[in-house]
C-alpha cells in the first residue's frame, strides 16, 4: 500500500503483485477471533480492493528473468 501511494503519480511505473492468495489476512486480530470478539470476515481484505492501482496476479513465481524483464 505504501508503494502504491508513493508511485501513484508516476504514470510510467506499473506495480504487479504476485500472491498465492487474492486476499490479505490481518494476523494482528487473531486473538480477537479466538475470543469470539470478531468474525474471520472482518480481518480478510481482498487485495484488488486494498490496491486498486496494482495488478494482482494469483499464483507463484518460479523464476525471474531480469535481462528480458519476464517472470
PDB file of N, CA and C in Angstrom:
ATOM      1  N   UNK A   1       0.824  -1.181   0.000  1.00  0.00           N
ATOM      2  CA  UNK A   1       0.000   0.000   0.000  1.00  0.00           C
ATOM      3  C   UNK A   1       0.873   1.251   0.000  1.00  0.00           C
ATOM      4  N   UNK A   2       1.983   1.175   0.714  1.00  0.00           N
ATOM      5  CA  UNK A   2       2.898   2.315   0.748  1.00  0.00           C
ATOM      6  C   UNK A   2       3.499   2.568  -0.637  1.00  0.00           C
ATOM      7  N   UNK A   3       3.913   1.517  -1.307  1.00  0.00           N
ATOM      8  CA  UNK A   3       4.491   1.653  -2.640  1.00  0.00           C
ATOM      9  C   UNK A   3       3.467   2.199  -3.623  1.00  0.00           C
ATOM     10  N   UNK A   4       2.237   1.751  -3.543  1.00  0.00           N
ATOM     11  CA  UNK A   4       1.179   2.248  -4.418  1.00  0.00           C
ATOM     12  C   UNK A   4       0.981   3.750  -4.220  1.00  0.00           C
ATOM     13  N   UNK A   5       0.946   4.188  -2.980  1.00  0.00           N
ATOM     14  CA  UNK A   5       0.776   5.613  -2.686  1.00  0.00           C
ATOM     15  C   UNK A   5       1.991   6.419  -3.128  1.00  0.00           C
ATOM     16  N   UNK A   6       3.170   5.868  -2.904  1.00  0.00           N
ATOM     17  CA  UNK A   6       4.402   6.555  -3.256  1.00  0.00           C
ATOM     18  C   UNK A   6       4.513   6.789  -4.768  1.00  0.00           C
ATOM     19  N   UNK A   7       4.074   5.818  -5.550  1.00  0.00           N
ATOM     20  CA  UNK A   7       4.213   5.890  -7.008  1.00  0.00           C
ATOM     21  C   UNK A   7       2.912   6.230  -7.722  1.00  0.00           C
ATOM     22  N   UNK A   8       1.924   6.721  -7.002  1.00  0.00           N
ATOM     23  CA  UNK A   8       0.610   6.992  -7.585  1.00  0.00           C
ATOM     24  C   UNK A   8       0.663   7.982  -8.749  1.00  0.00           C
ATOM     25  N   UNK A   9       1.538   8.938  -8.691  1.00  0.00           N
ATOM     26  CA  UNK A   9       1.615   9.968  -9.742  1.00  0.00           C
ATOM     27  C   UNK A   9       2.560   9.607 -10.873  1.00  0.00           C
ATOM     28  N   UNK A  10       3.304   8.530 -10.715  1.00  0.00           N
ATOM     29  CA  UNK A  10       4.251   8.090 -11.735  1.00  0.00           C
ATOM     30  C   UNK A  10       3.529   7.222 -12.766  1.00  0.00           C
ATOM     31  N   UNK A  11       3.166   7.795 -13.894  1.00  0.00           N
ATOM     32  CA  UNK A  11       2.426   7.055 -14.915  1.00  0.00           C
ATOM     33  C   UNK A  11       3.293   6.018 -15.631  1.00  0.00           C
ATOM     34  N   UNK A  12       4.596   6.194 -15.596  1.00  0.00           N
ATOM     35  CA  UNK A  12       5.496   5.269 -16.286  1.00  0.00           C
ATOM     36  C   UNK A  12       5.776   4.010 -15.472  1.00  0.00           C
ATOM     37  N   UNK A  13       5.267   3.961 -14.246  1.00  0.00           N
ATOM     38  CA  UNK A  13       5.529   2.835 -13.358  1.00  0.00           C
ATOM     39  C   UNK A  13       4.261   1.992 -13.211  1.00  0.00           C
ATOM     40  N   UNK A  14       4.434   0.690 -13.387  1.00  0.00           N
ATOM     41  CA  UNK A  14       3.348  -0.250 -13.153  1.00  0.00           C
ATOM     42  C   UNK A  14       3.754  -1.171 -12.013  1.00  0.00           C
ATOM     43  N   UNK A  15       2.844  -1.441 -11.110  1.00  0.00           N
ATOM     44  CA  UNK A  15       3.114  -2.338  -9.999  1.00  0.00           C
ATOM     45  C   UNK A  15       2.295  -3.606 -10.195  1.00  0.00           C
ATOM     46  N   UNK A  16       2.982  -4.730 -10.101  1.00  0.00           N
ATOM     47  CA  UNK A  16       2.331  -6.029 -10.232  1.00  0.00           C
ATOM     48  C   UNK A  16       2.671  -6.847  -8.989  1.00  0.00           C
ATOM     49  N   UNK A  17       1.654  -7.330  -8.318  1.00  0.00           N
ATOM     50  CA  UNK A  17       1.834  -8.143  -7.117  1.00  0.00           C
ATOM     51  C   UNK A  17       1.435  -9.576  -7.432  1.00  0.00           C
ATOM     52  N   UNK A  18       2.335 -10.505  -7.185  1.00  0.00           N
ATOM     53  CA  UNK A  18       2.037 -11.929  -7.349  1.00  0.00           C
ATOM     54  C   UNK A  18       1.900 -12.523  -5.960  1.00  0.00           C
ATOM     55  N   UNK A  19       0.747 -13.138  -5.722  1.00  0.00           N
ATOM     56  CA  UNK A  19       0.463 -13.693  -4.407  1.00  0.00           C
ATOM     57  C   UNK A  19      -0.259 -15.026  -4.567  1.00  0.00           C
ATOM     58  N   UNK A  20      -0.031 -15.922  -3.645  1.00  0.00           N
ATOM     59  CA  UNK A  20      -0.754 -17.203  -3.674  1.00  0.00           C
ATOM     60  C   UNK A  20      -2.225 -17.018  -3.349  1.00  0.00           C
ATOM     61  N   UNK A  21      -2.540 -15.954  -2.622  1.00  0.00           N
ATOM     62  CA  UNK A  21      -3.918 -15.683  -2.218  1.00  0.00           C
ATOM     63  C   UNK A  21      -4.373 -14.352  -2.804  1.00  0.00           C
ATOM     64  N   UNK A  22      -5.669 -14.194  -3.013  1.00  0.00           N
ATOM     65  CA  UNK A  22      -6.185 -12.931  -3.528  1.00  0.00           C
ATOM     66  C   UNK A  22      -6.720 -12.041  -2.402  1.00  0.00           C
ATOM     67  N   UNK A  23      -6.231 -12.298  -1.187  1.00  0.00           N
ATOM     68  CA  UNK A  23      -6.685 -11.530  -0.031  1.00  0.00           C
ATOM     69  C   UNK A  23      -5.523 -11.298   0.923  1.00  0.00           C
ATOM     70  N   UNK A  24      -5.704 -10.302   1.796  1.00  0.00           N
ATOM     71  CA  UNK A  24      -4.758 -10.012   2.867  1.00  0.00           C
ATOM     72  C   UNK A  24      -5.437 -10.374   4.173  1.00  0.00           C
ATOM     73  N   UNK A  25      -4.750 -11.140   4.985  1.00  0.00           N
ATOM     74  CA  UNK A  25      -5.281 -11.579   6.271  1.00  0.00           C
ATOM     75  C   UNK A  25      -4.523 -10.873   7.384  1.00  0.00           C
ATOM     76  N   UNK A  26      -5.212 -10.067   8.154  1.00  0.00           N
ATOM     77  CA  UNK A  26      -4.591  -9.325   9.245  1.00  0.00           C
ATOM     78  C   UNK A  26      -4.391 -10.248  10.443  1.00  0.00           C
ATOM     79  N   UNK A  27      -3.157 -10.618  10.703  1.00  0.00           N
ATOM     80  CA  UNK A  27      -2.848 -11.543  11.798  1.00  0.00           C
ATOM     81  C   UNK A  27      -2.918 -10.888  13.170  1.00  0.00           C
ATOM     82  N   UNK A  28      -2.942  -9.580  13.204  1.00  0.00           N
ATOM     83  CA  UNK A  28      -2.986  -8.875  14.483  1.00  0.00           C
ATOM     84  C   UNK A  28      -4.291  -9.099  15.228  1.00  0.00           C
ATOM     85  N   UNK A  29      -5.324  -9.515  14.514  1.00  0.00           N
ATOM     86  CA  UNK A  29      -6.645  -9.670  15.138  1.00  0.00           C
ATOM     87  C   UNK A  29      -6.977 -11.109  15.497  1.00  0.00           C
ATOM     88  N   UNK A  30      -6.050 -12.045  15.342  1.00  0.00           N
ATOM     89  CA  UNK A  30      -6.338 -13.444  15.627  1.00  0.00           C
ATOM     90  C   UNK A  30      -6.790 -13.675  17.063  1.00  0.00           C
ATOM     91  N   UNK A  31      -6.241 -12.929  18.003  1.00  0.00           N
ATOM     92  CA  UNK A  31      -6.641 -13.113  19.401  1.00  0.00           C
ATOM     93  C   UNK A  31      -8.096 -12.713  19.612  1.00  0.00           C
ATOM     94  N   UNK A  32      -8.544 -11.701  18.880  1.00  0.00           N
ATOM     95  CA  UNK A  32      -9.946 -11.276  18.994  1.00  0.00           C
ATOM     96  C   UNK A  32     -10.878 -12.315  18.394  1.00  0.00           C
ATOM     97  N   UNK A  33     -10.423 -12.997  17.354  1.00  0.00           N
ATOM     98  CA  UNK A  33     -11.235 -14.056  16.765  1.00  0.00           C
ATOM     99  C   UNK A  33     -11.325 -15.230  17.735  1.00  0.00           C
ATOM    100  N   UNK A  34     -10.201 -15.563  18.347  1.00  0.00           N
ATOM    101  CA  UNK A  34     -10.186 -16.666  19.313  1.00  0.00           C
ATOM    102  C   UNK A  34     -11.112 -16.366  20.494  1.00  0.00           C
ATOM    103  N   UNK A  35     -11.210 -15.105  20.837  1.00  0.00           N
ATOM    104  CA  UNK A  35     -12.074 -14.712  21.950  1.00  0.00           C
ATOM    105  C   UNK A  35     -13.519 -14.475  21.494  1.00  0.00           C
ATOM    106  N   UNK A  36     -13.786 -14.727  20.226  1.00  0.00           N
ATOM    107  CA  UNK A  36     -15.122 -14.555  19.617  1.00  0.00           C
ATOM    108  C   UNK A  36     -15.578 -13.109  19.583  1.00  0.00           C
ATOM    109  N   UNK A  37     -14.639 -12.171  19.616  1.00  0.00           N
ATOM    110  CA  UNK A  37     -14.989 -10.759  19.510  1.00  0.00           C
ATOM    111  C   UNK A  37     -15.131 -10.316  18.054  1.00  0.00           C
ATOM    112  N   UNK A  38     -14.511 -11.064  17.136  1.00  0.00           N
ATOM    113  CA  UNK A  38     -14.536 -10.735  15.709  1.00  0.00           C
ATOM    114  C   UNK A  38     -14.818 -11.974  14.887  1.00  0.00           C
ATOM    115  N   UNK A  39     -15.412 -11.767  13.727  1.00  0.00           N
ATOM    116  CA  UNK A  39     -15.587 -12.832  12.748  1.00  0.00           C
ATOM    117  C   UNK A  39     -14.401 -12.814  11.800  1.00  0.00           C
ATOM    118  N   UNK A  40     -14.081 -13.951  11.209  1.00  0.00           N
ATOM    119  CA  UNK A  40     -12.959 -14.043  10.263  1.00  0.00           C
ATOM    120  C   UNK A  40     -13.156 -13.085   9.092  1.00  0.00           C
ATOM    121  N   UNK A  41     -14.389 -12.892   8.664  1.00  0.00           N
ATOM    122  CA  UNK A  41     -14.659 -11.999   7.533  1.00  0.00           C
ATOM    123  C   UNK A  41     -14.260 -10.550   7.814  1.00  0.00           C
ATOM    124  N   UNK A  42     -14.102 -10.199   9.073  1.00  0.00           N
ATOM    125  CA  UNK A  42     -13.705  -8.831   9.427  1.00  0.00           C
ATOM    126  C   UNK A  42     -12.204  -8.587   9.279  1.00  0.00           C
ATOM    127  N   UNK A  43     -11.412  -9.641   9.158  1.00  0.00           N
ATOM    128  CA  UNK A  43      -9.961  -9.453   9.056  1.00  0.00           C
ATOM    129  C   UNK A  43      -9.410  -9.871   7.693  1.00  0.00           C
ATOM    130  N   UNK A  44     -10.290 -10.296   6.781  1.00  0.00           N
ATOM    131  CA  UNK A  44      -9.879 -10.684   5.440  1.00  0.00           C
ATOM    132  C   UNK A  44     -10.237  -9.551   4.490  1.00  0.00           C
ATOM    133  N   UNK A  45      -9.229  -9.046   3.761  1.00  0.00           N
ATOM    134  CA  UNK A  45      -9.444  -7.953   2.824  1.00  0.00           C
ATOM    135  C   UNK A  45      -8.973  -8.360   1.432  1.00  0.00           C
ATOM    136  N   UNK A  46      -9.818  -8.218   0.408  1.00  0.00           N
ATOM    137  CA  UNK A  46      -9.402  -8.540  -0.960  1.00  0.00           C
ATOM    138  C   UNK A  46      -8.273  -7.615  -1.417  1.00  0.00           C
ATOM    139  N   UNK A  47      -7.223  -8.185  -2.004  1.00  0.00           N
ATOM    140  CA  UNK A  47      -6.076  -7.392  -2.460  1.00  0.00           C
ATOM    141  C   UNK A  47      -6.479  -6.377  -3.520  1.00  0.00           C
ATOM    142  N   UNK A  48      -7.362  -6.775  -4.435  1.00  0.00           N
ATOM    143  CA  UNK A  48      -7.761  -5.850  -5.503  1.00  0.00           C
ATOM    144  C   UNK A  48      -8.513  -4.637  -4.957  1.00  0.00           C
ATOM    145  N   UNK A  49      -9.170  -4.803  -3.830  1.00  0.00           N
ATOM    146  CA  UNK A  49      -9.862  -3.682  -3.193  1.00  0.00           C
ATOM    147  C   UNK A  49      -8.878  -2.809  -2.413  1.00  0.00           C
ATOM    148  N   UNK A  50      -7.914  -3.439  -1.749  1.00  0.00           N
ATOM    149  CA  UNK A  50      -6.901  -2.697  -0.994  1.00  0.00           C
ATOM    150  C   UNK A  50      -5.947  -1.939  -1.905  1.00  0.00           C
ATOM    151  N   UNK A  51      -5.666  -2.515  -3.082  1.00  0.00           N
ATOM    152  CA  UNK A  51      -4.670  -1.965  -4.002  1.00  0.00           C
ATOM    153  C   UNK A  51      -5.279  -1.745  -5.385  1.00  0.00           C
ATOM    154  N   UNK A  52      -6.118  -0.739  -5.539  1.00  0.00           N
ATOM    155  CA  UNK A  52      -6.827  -0.563  -6.811  1.00  0.00           C
ATOM    156  C   UNK A  52      -5.933  -0.236  -8.007  1.00  0.00           C
ATOM    157  N   UNK A  53      -4.748   0.318  -7.783  1.00  0.00           N
ATOM    158  CA  UNK A  53      -3.853   0.682  -8.884  1.00  0.00           C
ATOM    159  C   UNK A  53      -2.772  -0.362  -9.145  1.00  0.00           C
ATOM    160  N   UNK A  54      -2.868  -1.497  -8.456  1.00  0.00           N
ATOM    161  CA  UNK A  54      -1.873  -2.563  -8.573  1.00  0.00           C
ATOM    162  C   UNK A  54      -2.494  -3.738  -9.322  1.00  0.00           C
ATOM    163  N   UNK A  55      -1.740  -4.294 -10.262  1.00  0.00           N
ATOM    164  CA  UNK A  55      -2.198  -5.510 -10.932  1.00  0.00           C
ATOM    165  C   UNK A  55      -1.912  -6.682  -9.996  1.00  0.00           C
ATOM    166  N   UNK A  56      -2.943  -7.390  -9.604  1.00  0.00           N
ATOM    167  CA  UNK A  56      -2.805  -8.519  -8.691  1.00  0.00           C
ATOM    168  C   UNK A  56      -2.936  -9.812  -9.487  1.00  0.00           C
ATOM    169  N   UNK A  57      -1.896 -10.641  -9.431  1.00  0.00           N
ATOM    170  CA  UNK A  57      -1.902 -11.942 -10.089  1.00  0.00           C
ATOM    171  C   UNK A  57      -1.833 -13.024  -9.024  1.00  0.00           C
ATOM    172  N   UNK A  58      -2.771 -13.939  -9.056  1.00  0.00           N
ATOM    173  CA  UNK A  58      -2.786 -15.036  -8.089  1.00  0.00           C
ATOM    174  C   UNK A  58      -1.975 -16.183  -8.671  1.00  0.00           C
ATOM    175  N   UNK A  59      -0.927 -16.600  -7.963  1.00  0.00           N
ATOM    176  CA  UNK A  59      -0.073 -17.681  -8.428  1.00  0.00           C
ATOM    177  C   UNK A  59       1.255 -17.668  -7.717  1.00  0.00           C
ATOM    178  N   UNK A  60       2.216 -18.367  -8.312  1.00  0.00           N
ATOM    179  CA  UNK A  60       3.570 -18.455  -7.772  1.00  0.00           C
ATOM    180  C   UNK A  60       4.564 -17.966  -8.810  1.00  0.00           C
ATOM    181  N   UNK A  61       5.663 -17.394  -8.368  1.00  0.00           N
ATOM    182  CA  UNK A  61       6.761 -17.010  -9.255  1.00  0.00           C
ATOM    183  C   UNK A  61       7.816 -18.101  -9.154  1.00  0.00           C
ATOM    184  N   UNK A  62       8.138 -18.714 -10.269  1.00  0.00           N
ATOM    185  CA  UNK A  62       9.139 -19.781 -10.294  1.00  0.00           C
ATOM    186  C   UNK A  62      10.523 -19.258 -10.628  1.00  0.00           C
ATOM    187  N   UNK A  63      10.578 -18.214 -11.437  1.00  0.00           N
ATOM    188  CA  UNK A  63      11.869 -17.610 -11.777  1.00  0.00           C
ATOM    189  C   UNK A  63      11.638 -16.202 -12.294  1.00  0.00           C
ATOM    190  N   UNK A  64      12.691 -15.401 -12.258  1.00  0.00           N
ATOM    191  CA  UNK A  64      12.634 -14.035 -12.774  1.00  0.00           C
ATOM    192  C   UNK A  64      13.790 -13.848 -13.737  1.00  0.00           C
ATOM    193  N   UNK A  65      13.467 -13.422 -14.946  1.00  0.00           N
ATOM    194  CA  UNK A  65      14.456 -13.166 -15.985  1.00  0.00           C
ATOM    195  C   UNK A  65      14.633 -11.659 -16.082  1.00  0.00           C
ATOM    196  N   UNK A  66      15.616 -11.115 -15.345  1.00  0.00           N
ATOM    197  CA  UNK A  66      15.825  -9.666 -15.311  1.00  0.00           C
ATOM    198  C   UNK A  66      16.250  -9.112 -16.662  1.00  0.00           C
ATOM    199  N   UNK A  67      17.055  -9.877 -17.403  1.00  0.00           N
ATOM    200  CA  UNK A  67      17.543  -9.425 -18.698  1.00  0.00           C
ATOM    201  C   UNK A  67      16.398  -9.168 -19.680  1.00  0.00           C
ATOM    202  N   UNK A  68      15.463 -10.090 -19.735  1.00  0.00           N
ATOM    203  CA  UNK A  68      14.326  -9.964 -20.653  1.00  0.00           C
ATOM    204  C   UNK A  68      13.070  -9.404 -19.982  1.00  0.00           C
ATOM    205  N   UNK A  69      13.194  -9.054 -18.708  1.00  0.00           N
ATOM    206  CA  UNK A  69      12.100  -8.487 -17.923  1.00  0.00           C
ATOM    207  C   UNK A  69      10.862  -9.369 -17.964  1.00  0.00           C
ATOM    208  N   UNK A  70      11.059 -10.655 -17.657  1.00  0.00           N
ATOM    209  CA  UNK A  70       9.964 -11.619 -17.641  1.00  0.00           C
ATOM    210  C   UNK A  70      10.052 -12.467 -16.374  1.00  0.00           C
ATOM    211  N   UNK A  71       8.939 -13.029 -16.004  1.00  0.00           N
ATOM    212  CA  UNK A  71       8.953 -13.971 -14.882  1.00  0.00           C
ATOM    213  C   UNK A  71       8.292 -15.263 -15.295  1.00  0.00           C
TER     214      UNK A  71
END
